[in-house]
Amino acid sequence: MDLVSIRLITDDVAALAAFYERLTGGTAVFLNEVFAEVRTASGTLAIGGTATVGLFGAGSAEPAANRSAIIEFLVDDVDAQYLQLTEWVTSFVNEPTTMPWGNRSLLLRDPDGTLVNLFTPVTPEAIAKFQSPS
C-alpha cells in the first residue's frame, strides 16, 4: 500500500490551490471547478470543494475544520524559506525551531487554518533519514 495523496476540503478551491501553488512553487491542475491537485515529487495534495463531499457521504467532511493533521513539506533551507514567506503568509504558529527529532521546523496555517510544517533535517540522523539512496 502506498500513500499517494492528502485531500483537503474547502469552500474556496481556487484560493487554496493558489496558496499551495505559491508555497510549493508547483502548479495546480484543475480537473474541474471543484477539484484541483498540486503534485510534488513524492505525493499529491488534492483540494476538493465542499460539493465533492456528498460523493463520499453527506457530512463525511467539512471545510476549515482540521485540528489534528499537519501537512509537511521537506525544504532545502527552512530559515531562508521563512524569510521569503514573511512577505505573504499571514498566520505563523512559530518561527524556525530545531525539534528534538533533528528537524528544523516552521509551522504556519493555510487560509483554511490547516497546519503546514516546512522542515529541514539538521542532525546527522535526520539528514540520513531523508537522503536518497545512491
Protein backbone atom coordinates (compact mmCIF):
# COMPACT_ATOMS: atom_id res chain seq x y z
CA MET A 1 0.00 0.00 0.00
CA ASP A 2 1.33 3.46 -0.89
CA LEU A 3 0.19 6.84 0.39
CA VAL A 4 -0.29 8.91 -2.76
CA SER A 5 -2.27 11.96 -1.69
CA ILE A 6 -3.79 14.02 1.08
CA ARG A 7 -7.09 15.74 0.30
CA LEU A 8 -8.27 18.98 1.84
CA ILE A 9 -11.92 20.02 1.65
CA THR A 10 -12.53 23.74 1.24
CA ASP A 11 -15.21 26.27 0.38
CA ASP A 12 -12.76 28.01 -2.00
CA VAL A 13 -10.78 25.60 -4.20
CA ALA A 14 -9.20 28.36 -6.28
CA ALA A 15 -7.90 30.30 -3.27
CA LEU A 16 -6.50 27.24 -1.50
CA ALA A 17 -4.92 25.95 -4.72
CA ALA A 18 -3.31 29.37 -5.27
CA PHE A 19 -1.89 29.30 -1.73
CA TYR A 20 -0.30 25.87 -2.22
CA GLU A 21 0.99 26.82 -5.68
CA ARG A 22 2.78 29.78 -4.19
CA LEU A 23 4.01 27.81 -1.19
CA THR A 24 5.38 24.87 -3.18
CA GLY A 25 6.29 26.60 -6.43
CA GLY A 26 4.17 23.98 -8.19
CA THR A 27 1.19 24.32 -10.47
CA ALA A 28 -2.31 23.27 -9.51
CA VAL A 29 -4.02 21.06 -12.05
CA PHE A 30 -7.75 21.74 -12.06
CA LEU A 31 -9.73 18.66 -13.09
CA ASN A 32 -12.88 20.81 -12.78
CA GLU A 33 -14.02 23.82 -10.74
CA VAL A 34 -14.40 21.77 -7.53
CA PHE A 35 -11.22 19.68 -7.63
CA ALA A 36 -7.54 20.52 -8.06
CA GLU A 37 -4.23 18.79 -7.40
CA VAL A 38 -0.81 20.17 -6.54
CA ARG A 39 1.68 17.44 -7.32
CA THR A 40 5.14 17.09 -5.82
CA ALA A 41 7.86 14.52 -6.43
CA SER A 42 6.66 12.41 -3.50
CA GLY A 43 2.90 12.87 -3.45
CA THR A 44 -0.14 14.92 -4.31
CA LEU A 45 -2.09 17.48 -2.33
CA ALA A 46 -5.66 17.19 -3.56
CA ILE A 47 -8.06 20.07 -2.95
CA GLY A 48 -11.76 19.32 -3.14
CA GLY A 49 -14.64 21.71 -2.89
CA THR A 50 -17.49 21.13 -0.47
CA ALA A 51 -19.59 20.00 -3.44
CA THR A 52 -17.45 16.83 -3.59
CA VAL A 53 -18.26 15.74 -0.03
CA GLY A 54 -21.64 14.26 -0.99
CA LEU A 55 -19.89 11.83 -3.33
CA PHE A 56 -18.31 10.15 -0.29
CA GLY A 57 -21.27 10.52 2.06
CA ALA A 58 -23.20 13.55 3.21
CA GLY A 59 -21.45 15.24 6.12
CA SER A 60 -18.37 13.00 5.90
CA ALA A 61 -16.01 16.00 5.78
CA GLU A 62 -16.27 19.72 6.41
CA PRO A 63 -14.07 22.58 5.28
CA ALA A 64 -11.69 24.50 7.53
CA ALA A 65 -12.25 22.14 10.48
CA ASN A 66 -8.90 20.32 10.75
CA ARG A 67 -7.31 20.33 14.19
CA SER A 68 -5.43 17.03 14.12
CA ALA A 69 -3.32 16.75 10.95
CA ILE A 70 -0.24 18.64 9.80
CA ILE A 71 0.79 18.73 6.14
CA GLU A 72 4.57 18.53 5.94
CA PHE A 73 6.96 19.65 3.22
CA LEU A 74 10.69 18.92 3.17
CA VAL A 75 12.61 22.07 2.11
CA ASP A 76 16.29 22.75 1.50
CA ASP A 77 16.59 25.67 3.94
CA VAL A 78 13.68 26.36 6.28
CA ASP A 79 15.23 29.60 7.58
CA ALA A 80 15.53 31.05 4.06
CA GLN A 81 12.01 29.83 3.29
CA TYR A 82 10.72 31.63 6.40
CA LEU A 83 12.24 34.94 5.28
CA GLN A 84 10.50 34.63 1.91
CA LEU A 85 7.18 33.62 3.44
CA THR A 86 7.01 36.56 5.84
CA GLU A 87 6.20 38.69 2.78
CA TRP A 88 2.84 36.97 2.19
CA VAL A 89 1.90 34.31 4.75
CA THR A 90 -0.39 35.80 7.39
CA SER A 91 -0.54 33.07 10.03
CA PHE A 92 2.65 31.66 11.54
CA VAL A 93 2.49 29.32 14.54
CA ASN A 94 6.21 29.54 15.24
CA GLU A 95 9.50 30.71 13.79
CA PRO A 96 12.02 28.10 12.62
CA THR A 97 12.76 25.87 15.60
CA THR A 98 15.02 22.83 15.93
CA MET A 99 12.93 19.90 17.14
CA PRO A 100 14.19 17.09 19.40
CA TRP A 101 13.97 14.63 16.48
CA GLY A 102 16.50 16.60 14.42
CA ASN A 103 14.41 18.67 12.04
CA ARG A 104 14.37 22.45 11.93
CA SER A 105 10.66 23.22 11.54
CA LEU A 106 8.42 26.13 10.71
CA LEU A 107 4.68 25.84 11.36
CA LEU A 108 2.17 28.04 9.60
CA ARG A 109 -1.52 27.89 8.73
CA ASP A 110 -3.05 27.82 5.27
CA PRO A 111 -6.06 30.08 4.53
CA ASP A 112 -8.45 27.43 5.94
CA GLY A 113 -6.42 27.07 9.14
CA THR A 114 -4.74 23.74 8.36
CA LEU A 115 -1.30 23.42 9.92
CA VAL A 116 1.59 23.26 7.47
CA ASN A 117 5.09 22.27 8.57
CA LEU A 118 8.10 23.17 6.46
CA PHE A 119 11.19 21.40 7.70
CA THR A 120 14.86 20.81 7.02
CA PRO A 121 16.74 17.90 8.62
CA VAL A 122 19.74 19.25 10.56
CA THR A 123 21.14 16.40 12.66
CA PRO A 124 23.11 13.56 11.06
CA GLU A 125 20.33 11.08 11.91
CA ALA A 126 17.59 13.26 10.43
CA ILE A 127 19.66 14.02 7.33
CA ALA A 128 20.31 10.30 6.77
CA LYS A 129 16.58 9.56 7.05
CA PHE A 130 15.77 11.81 4.10
CA GLN A 131 18.76 11.14 1.84
CA SER A 132 18.09 9.43 -1.46
CA PRO A 133 19.75 6.05 -1.89
CA SER A 134 22.73 6.38 -4.22
